[in-house]
Amino acid sequence: MFVIDRAALFLVAVGVFVVCLPAIAVYYFRRARRSSQDDWESILKRLAPVDRSCVAEVALDIIDESGQQRMDESSAVLEPAEIWKLVGGMEGLKAIEANCMVLIDLAFYVQQKYPEAVVTTEELRLNAREIAWHVERLKAAAESGKLDSVFAMYAQRATATYYLMTRQVLALYEHDGLPMLASLQRAL
């Protein structure tokens, strides 16, 4: 019988850590470098097409313009089939999820000149994680055959979060008086 003592396990764990840490650092360094080298136009071109009026309709069904949960009698009235159609199903949600990274890069672009934009950039990163979580739940539900029962809840939350993310990026560009605001408004 092969017996491994604690010291050997510790050395293996340290070895794995020592190998993984530089790999992770290189990944994030390359990503940051790529983002900083992208010009504004190339970042904007990465946006996947999403019908913003449909996004707004789905989002404003459960939140108001400020992002607060709506509690009136006319809130949350969209049916799951309507949400599916307006969002574009799972493909639409995948486009929204992909656009989250573009929104983060757009905020990071501003952050390079205006360091105070770091707050918005970090909020966008958290929101992107939330959307990824919702999309993962939907993928799991699709695999288990329960997509119909949860689609409206997760898809509407993801869409509302994305809607607020686009508003944050637009507000960031407007606040700093950036000349690209008009192009960004057309794209988002």
C-alpha atoms as a PDB file:
ATOM      1  CA  MET A   1       0.000   0.000   0.000  1.00  0.00           C
ATOM      2  CA  PHE A   2       1.283   3.408  -0.959  1.00  0.00           C
ATOM      3  CA  VAL A   3       1.265   5.948   1.867  1.00  0.00           C
ATOM      4  CA  ILE A   4       1.677   9.663   1.251  1.00  0.00           C
ATOM      5  CA  ASP A   5       2.647  11.751   4.202  1.00  0.00           C
ATOM      6  CA  ARG A   6       1.420  15.271   4.880  1.00  0.00           C
ATOM      7  CA  ALA A   7       4.689  16.887   3.859  1.00  0.00           C
ATOM      8  CA  ALA A   8       4.465  15.372   0.376  1.00  0.00           C
ATOM      9  CA  LEU A   9       0.848  16.530  -0.017  1.00  0.00           C
ATOM     10  CA  PHE A  10       1.845  19.994   1.107  1.00  0.00           C
ATOM     11  CA  LEU A  11       4.688  20.108  -1.423  1.00  0.00           C
ATOM     12  CA  VAL A  12       2.354  18.980  -4.216  1.00  0.00           C
ATOM     13  CA  ALA A  13      -0.175  21.683  -3.268  1.00  0.00           C
ATOM     14  CA  VAL A  14       2.535  24.349  -3.170  1.00  0.00           C
ATOM     15  CA  GLY A  15       3.845  23.132  -6.533  1.00  0.00           C
ATOM     16  CA  VAL A  16       0.404  23.394  -8.125  1.00  0.00           C
ATOM     17  CA  PHE A  17      -0.025  26.868  -6.647  1.00  0.00           C
ATOM     18  CA  VAL A  18       3.377  27.999  -7.914  1.00  0.00           C
ATOM     19  CA  VAL A  19       2.566  26.752 -11.425  1.00  0.00           C
ATOM     20  CA  CYS A  20      -0.985  28.165 -11.549  1.00  0.00           C
ATOM     21  CA  LEU A  21      -0.245  31.620 -10.153  1.00  0.00           C
ATOM     22  CA  PRO A  22       2.039  32.754 -13.015  1.00  0.00           C
ATOM     23  CA  ALA A  23      -0.371  31.285 -15.582  1.00  0.00           C
ATOM     24  CA  ILE A  24      -3.245  33.286 -14.118  1.00  0.00           C
ATOM     25  CA  ALA A  25      -1.101  36.425 -13.976  1.00  0.00           C
ATOM     26  CA  VAL A  26      -0.100  36.047 -17.637  1.00  0.00           C
ATOM     27  CA  TYR A  27      -3.745  35.583 -18.666  1.00  0.00           C
ATOM     28  CA  TYR A  28      -4.928  38.745 -16.917  1.00  0.00           C
ATOM     29  CA  PHE A  29      -1.886  40.721 -18.052  1.00  0.00           C
ATOM     30  CA  ARG A  30      -2.589  39.820 -21.685  1.00  0.00           C
ATOM     31  CA  ARG A  31      -6.263  40.629 -21.307  1.00  0.00           C
ATOM     32  CA  ALA A  32      -5.546  44.016 -19.739  1.00  0.00           C
ATOM     33  CA  ARG A  33      -2.940  44.752 -22.385  1.00  0.00           C
ATOM     34  CA  ARG A  34      -5.325  43.786 -25.178  1.00  0.00           C
ATOM     35  CA  SER A  35      -8.058  45.980 -23.696  1.00  0.00           C
ATOM     36  CA  SER A  36      -5.752  48.938 -23.326  1.00  0.00           C
ATOM     37  CA  GLN A  37      -4.482  48.576 -26.901  1.00  0.00           C
ATOM     38  CA  ASP A  38      -7.927  48.367 -28.440  1.00  0.00           C
ATOM     39  CA  ASP A  39      -9.066  51.620 -29.853  1.00  0.00           C
ATOM     40  CA  TRP A  40     -12.558  52.807 -29.153  1.00  0.00           C
ATOM     41  CA  GLU A  41     -13.944  51.891 -32.571  1.00  0.00           C
ATOM     42  CA  SER A  42     -12.709  48.298 -32.393  1.00  0.00           C
ATOM     43  CA  ILE A  43     -14.282  47.903 -28.953  1.00  0.00           C
ATOM     44  CA  LEU A  44     -17.586  49.255 -30.228  1.00  0.00           C
ATOM     45  CA  LYS A  45     -17.528  46.896 -33.232  1.00  0.00           C
ATOM     46  CA  ARG A  46     -17.506  43.908 -30.862  1.00  0.00           C
ATOM     47  CA  LEU A  47     -21.044  44.700 -29.689  1.00  0.00           C
ATOM     48  CA  ALA A  48     -23.457  41.960 -30.723  1.00  0.00           C
ATOM     49  CA  PRO A  49     -26.736  43.239 -32.157  1.00  0.00           C
ATOM     50  CA  VAL A  50     -29.450  43.441 -29.517  1.00  0.00           C
ATOM     51  CA  ASP A  51     -32.822  45.113 -29.981  1.00  0.00           C
ATOM     52  CA  ARG A  52     -32.573  47.861 -27.371  1.00  0.00           C
ATOM     53  CA  SER A  53     -36.292  48.689 -27.471  1.00  0.00           C
ATOM     54  CA  CYS A  54     -37.106  45.067 -26.615  1.00  0.00           C
ATOM     55  CA  VAL A  55     -34.454  45.061 -23.876  1.00  0.00           C
ATOM     56  CA  ALA A  56     -35.995  48.233 -22.435  1.00  0.00           C
ATOM     57  CA  GLU A  57     -39.520  46.780 -22.600  1.00  0.00           C
ATOM     58  CA  VAL A  58     -38.506  43.604 -20.750  1.00  0.00           C
ATOM     59  CA  ALA A  59     -36.425  45.490 -18.183  1.00  0.00           C
ATOM     60  CA  LEU A  60     -38.920  48.264 -17.491  1.00  0.00           C
ATOM     61  CA  ASP A  61     -41.568  45.649 -16.815  1.00  0.00           C
ATOM     62  CA  ILE A  62     -39.875  44.908 -13.468  1.00  0.00           C
ATOM     63  CA  ILE A  63     -37.720  47.981 -12.751  1.00  0.00           C
ATOM     64  CA  ASP A  64     -38.105  51.720 -13.162  1.00  0.00           C
ATOM     65  CA  GLU A  65     -35.653  54.019 -14.943  1.00  0.00           C
ATOM     66  CA  SER A  66     -33.576  54.394 -11.772  1.00  0.00           C
ATOM     67  CA  GLY A  67     -33.200  50.629 -11.412  1.00  0.00           C
ATOM     68  CA  GLN A  68     -35.544  50.255  -8.457  1.00  0.00           C
ATOM     69  CA  GLN A  69     -37.902  47.289  -8.310  1.00  0.00           C
ATOM     70  CA  ARG A  70     -41.388  48.223  -9.485  1.00  0.00           C
ATOM     71  CA  MET A  71     -44.159  47.365  -7.065  1.00  0.00           C
ATOM     72  CA  ASP A  72     -47.193  48.811  -8.833  1.00  0.00           C
ATOM     73  CA  GLU A  73     -50.036  46.728 -10.225  1.00  0.00           C
ATOM     74  CA  SER A  74     -48.797  47.129 -13.802  1.00  0.00           C
ATOM     75  CA  SER A  75     -45.366  45.635 -13.095  1.00  0.00           C
ATOM     76  CA  ALA A  76     -44.237  42.128 -14.052  1.00  0.00           C
ATOM     77  CA  VAL A  77     -47.086  41.692 -16.523  1.00  0.00           C
ATOM     78  CA  LEU A  78     -45.093  40.239 -19.423  1.00  0.00           C
ATOM     79  CA  GLU A  79     -45.822  36.596 -20.078  1.00  0.00           C
ATOM     80  CA  PRO A  80     -42.926  34.124 -20.421  1.00  0.00           C
ATOM     81  CA  ALA A  81     -43.649  33.677 -24.146  1.00  0.00           C
ATOM     82  CA  GLU A  82     -43.468  37.458 -24.639  1.00  0.00           C
ATOM     83  CA  ILE A  83     -40.177  37.652 -22.748  1.00  0.00           C
ATOM     84  CA  TRP A  84     -38.788  34.781 -24.845  1.00  0.00           C
ATOM     85  CA  LYS A  85     -39.758  36.598 -28.055  1.00  0.00           C
ATOM     86  CA  LEU A  86     -38.545  40.035 -26.953  1.00  0.00           C
ATOM     87  CA  VAL A  87     -35.221  38.782 -25.594  1.00  0.00           C
ATOM     88  CA  GLY A  88     -34.608  36.498 -28.556  1.00  0.00           C
ATOM     89  CA  GLY A  89     -34.531  33.289 -26.553  1.00  0.00           C
ATOM     90  CA  MET A  90     -31.264  31.789 -25.406  1.00  0.00           C
ATOM     91  CA  GLU A  91     -29.393  33.284 -28.376  1.00  0.00           C
ATOM     92  CA  GLY A  92     -30.477  36.758 -27.351  1.00  0.00           C
ATOM     93  CA  LEU A  93     -29.309  36.142 -23.806  1.00  0.00           C
ATOM     94  CA  LYS A  94     -25.960  34.881 -25.079  1.00  0.00           C
ATOM     95  CA  ALA A  95     -25.590  38.126 -27.072  1.00  0.00           C
ATOM     96  CA  ILE A  96     -26.424  40.125 -23.950  1.00  0.00           C
ATOM     97  CA  GLU A  97     -23.860  38.134 -21.976  1.00  0.00           C
ATOM     98  CA  ALA A  98     -21.201  38.726 -24.649  1.00  0.00           C
ATOM     99  CA  ASN A  99     -21.993  42.440 -24.715  1.00  0.00           C
ATOM    100  CA  CYS A 100     -21.281  42.660 -20.990  1.00  0.00           C
ATOM    101  CA  MET A 101     -17.559  42.285 -21.667  1.00  0.00           C
ATOM    102  CA  VAL A 102     -17.743  45.014 -24.304  1.00  0.00           C
ATOM    103  CA  LEU A 103     -19.472  47.353 -21.836  1.00  0.00           C
ATOM    104  CA  ILE A 104     -16.713  46.676 -19.309  1.00  0.00           C
ATOM    105  CA  ASP A 105     -14.079  47.421 -21.959  1.00  0.00           C
ATOM    106  CA  LEU A 106     -15.874  50.660 -22.879  1.00  0.00           C
ATOM    107  CA  ALA A 107     -15.800  51.730 -19.233  1.00  0.00           C
ATOM    108  CA  PHE A 108     -12.167  50.662 -18.934  1.00  0.00           C
ATOM    109  CA  TYR A 109     -11.376  52.818 -21.968  1.00  0.00           C
ATOM    110  CA  VAL A 110     -12.674  55.850 -20.056  1.00  0.00           C
ATOM    111  CA  GLN A 111     -10.926  54.717 -16.884  1.00  0.00           C
ATOM    112  CA  GLN A 112      -7.531  54.999 -18.580  1.00  0.00           C
ATOM    113  CA  LYS A 113      -8.001  58.768 -18.868  1.00  0.00           C
ATOM    114  CA  TYR A 114     -10.270  59.282 -15.871  1.00  0.00           C
ATOM    115  CA  PRO A 115      -9.253  56.968 -13.000  1.00  0.00           C
ATOM    116  CA  GLU A 116     -12.400  57.811 -11.047  1.00  0.00           C
ATOM    117  CA  ALA A 117     -14.303  55.659 -13.564  1.00  0.00           C
ATOM    118  CA  VAL A 118     -12.942  52.602 -11.754  1.00  0.00           C
ATOM    119  CA  VAL A 119     -16.097  52.482  -9.618  1.00  0.00           C
ATOM    120  CA  THR A 120     -18.327  52.152 -12.669  1.00  0.00           C
ATOM    121  CA  THR A 121     -16.001  49.583 -14.230  1.00  0.00           C
ATOM    122  CA  GLU A 122     -16.088  47.424 -11.099  1.00  0.00           C
ATOM    123  CA  GLU A 123     -19.888  47.712 -10.832  1.00  0.00           C
ATOM    124  CA  LEU A 124     -20.133  46.574 -14.447  1.00  0.00           C
ATOM    125  CA  ARG A 125     -17.916  43.572 -13.689  1.00  0.00           C
ATOM    126  CA  LEU A 126     -20.205  42.568 -10.832  1.00  0.00           C
ATOM    127  CA  ASN A 127     -23.274  42.998 -13.023  1.00  0.00           C
ATOM    128  CA  ALA A 128     -21.664  40.887 -15.752  1.00  0.00           C
ATOM    129  CA  ARG A 129     -21.118  38.114 -13.218  1.00  0.00           C
ATOM    130  CA  GLU A 130     -24.770  38.327 -12.221  1.00  0.00           C
ATOM    131  CA  ILE A 131     -25.866  38.010 -15.849  1.00  0.00           C
ATOM    132  CA  ALA A 132     -23.505  35.070 -16.381  1.00  0.00           C
ATOM    133  CA  TRP A 133     -25.043  33.427 -13.312  1.00  0.00           C
ATOM    134  CA  HIS A 134     -28.571  33.869 -14.705  1.00  0.00           C
ATOM    135  CA  VAL A 135     -27.537  32.497 -18.105  1.00  0.00           C
ATOM    136  CA  GLU A 136     -25.845  29.489 -16.466  1.00  0.00           C
ATOM    137  CA  ARG A 137     -29.046  28.763 -14.543  1.00  0.00           C
ATOM    138  CA  LEU A 138     -30.986  28.878 -17.787  1.00  0.00           C
ATOM    139  CA  LYS A 139     -28.529  26.550 -19.525  1.00  0.00           C
ATOM    140  CA  ALA A 140     -28.818  24.093 -16.639  1.00  0.00           C
ATOM    141  CA  ALA A 141     -32.607  24.334 -16.767  1.00  0.00           C
ATOM    142  CA  ALA A 142     -32.549  23.687 -20.524  1.00  0.00           C
ATOM    143  CA  GLU A 143     -30.428  20.564 -20.002  1.00  0.00           C
ATOM    144  CA  SER A 144     -32.810  19.268 -17.365  1.00  0.00           C
ATOM    145  CA  GLY A 145     -35.923  20.090 -19.405  1.00  0.00           C
ATOM    146  CA  LYS A 146     -37.174  22.774 -17.023  1.00  0.00           C
ATOM    147  CA  LEU A 147     -36.421  25.863 -19.103  1.00  0.00           C
ATOM    148  CA  ASP A 148     -40.085  26.817 -19.505  1.00  0.00           C
ATOM    149  CA  SER A 149     -40.627  27.102 -15.757  1.00  0.00           C
ATOM    150  CA  VAL A 150     -37.653  29.392 -15.029  1.00  0.00           C
ATOM    151  CA  PHE A 151     -36.947  31.261 -18.255  1.00  0.00           C
ATOM    152  CA  ALA A 152     -39.055  34.317 -17.484  1.00  0.00           C
ATOM    153  CA  MET A 153     -37.541  34.857 -14.045  1.00  0.00           C
ATOM    154  CA  TYR A 154     -33.867  34.505 -14.958  1.00  0.00           C
ATOM    155  CA  ALA A 155     -34.102  36.043 -18.434  1.00  0.00           C
ATOM    156  CA  GLN A 156     -35.976  39.090 -17.206  1.00  0.00           C
ATOM    157  CA  ARG A 157     -33.501  39.660 -14.361  1.00  0.00           C
ATOM    158  CA  ALA A 158     -30.541  39.311 -16.752  1.00  0.00           C
ATOM    159  CA  THR A 159     -32.146  41.684 -19.238  1.00  0.00           C
ATOM    160  CA  ALA A 160     -32.911  44.260 -16.540  1.00  0.00           C
ATOM    161  CA  THR A 161     -29.323  44.111 -15.302  1.00  0.00           C
ATOM    162  CA  TYR A 162     -28.021  44.518 -18.855  1.00  0.00           C
ATOM    163  CA  TYR A 163     -30.346  47.489 -19.407  1.00  0.00           C
ATOM    164  CA  LEU A 164     -28.940  49.159 -16.294  1.00  0.00           C
ATOM    165  CA  MET A 165     -25.383  48.402 -17.438  1.00  0.00           C
ATOM    166  CA  THR A 166     -25.988  50.197 -20.732  1.00  0.00           C
ATOM    167  CA  ARG A 167     -27.404  53.185 -18.827  1.00  0.00           C
ATOM    168  CA  GLN A 168     -24.302  53.251 -16.594  1.00  0.00           C
ATOM    169  CA  VAL A 169     -21.926  53.281 -19.561  1.00  0.00           C
ATOM    170  CA  LEU A 170     -23.910  56.019 -21.290  1.00  0.00           C
ATOM    171  CA  ALA A 171     -23.953  58.064 -18.080  1.00  0.00           C
ATOM    172  CA  LEU A 172     -20.196  57.628 -17.723  1.00  0.00           C
ATOM    173  CA  TYR A 173     -19.544  58.943 -21.225  1.00  0.00           C
ATOM    174  CA  GLU A 174     -22.047  61.773 -20.738  1.00  0.00           C
ATOM    175  CA  HIS A 175     -20.597  62.792 -17.365  1.00  0.00           C
ATOM    176  CA  ASP A 176     -17.088  63.025 -18.767  1.00  0.00           C
ATOM    177  CA  GLY A 177     -18.332  64.875 -21.860  1.00  0.00           C
ATOM    178  CA  LEU A 178     -16.710  62.442 -24.240  1.00  0.00           C
ATOM    179  CA  PRO A 179     -17.207  63.133 -27.955  1.00  0.00           C
ATOM    180  CA  MET A 180     -18.017  59.466 -28.641  1.00  0.00           C
ATOM    181  CA  LEU A 181     -21.305  59.713 -26.729  1.00  0.00           C
ATOM    182  CA  ALA A 182     -23.485  60.118 -29.832  1.00  0.00           C
ATOM    183  CA  SER A 183     -21.958  57.040 -31.493  1.00  0.00           C
ATOM    184  CA  LEU A 184     -22.337  55.077 -28.291  1.00  0.00           C
ATOM    185  CA  GLN A 185     -25.992  56.076 -27.945  1.00  0.00           C
ATOM    186  CA  ARG A 186     -26.667  54.787 -31.461  1.00  0.00           C
ATOM    187  CA  ALA A 187     -24.829  51.519 -30.749  1.00  0.00           C
ATOM    188  CA  LEU A 188     -26.465  50.804 -27.406  1.00  0.00           C
END
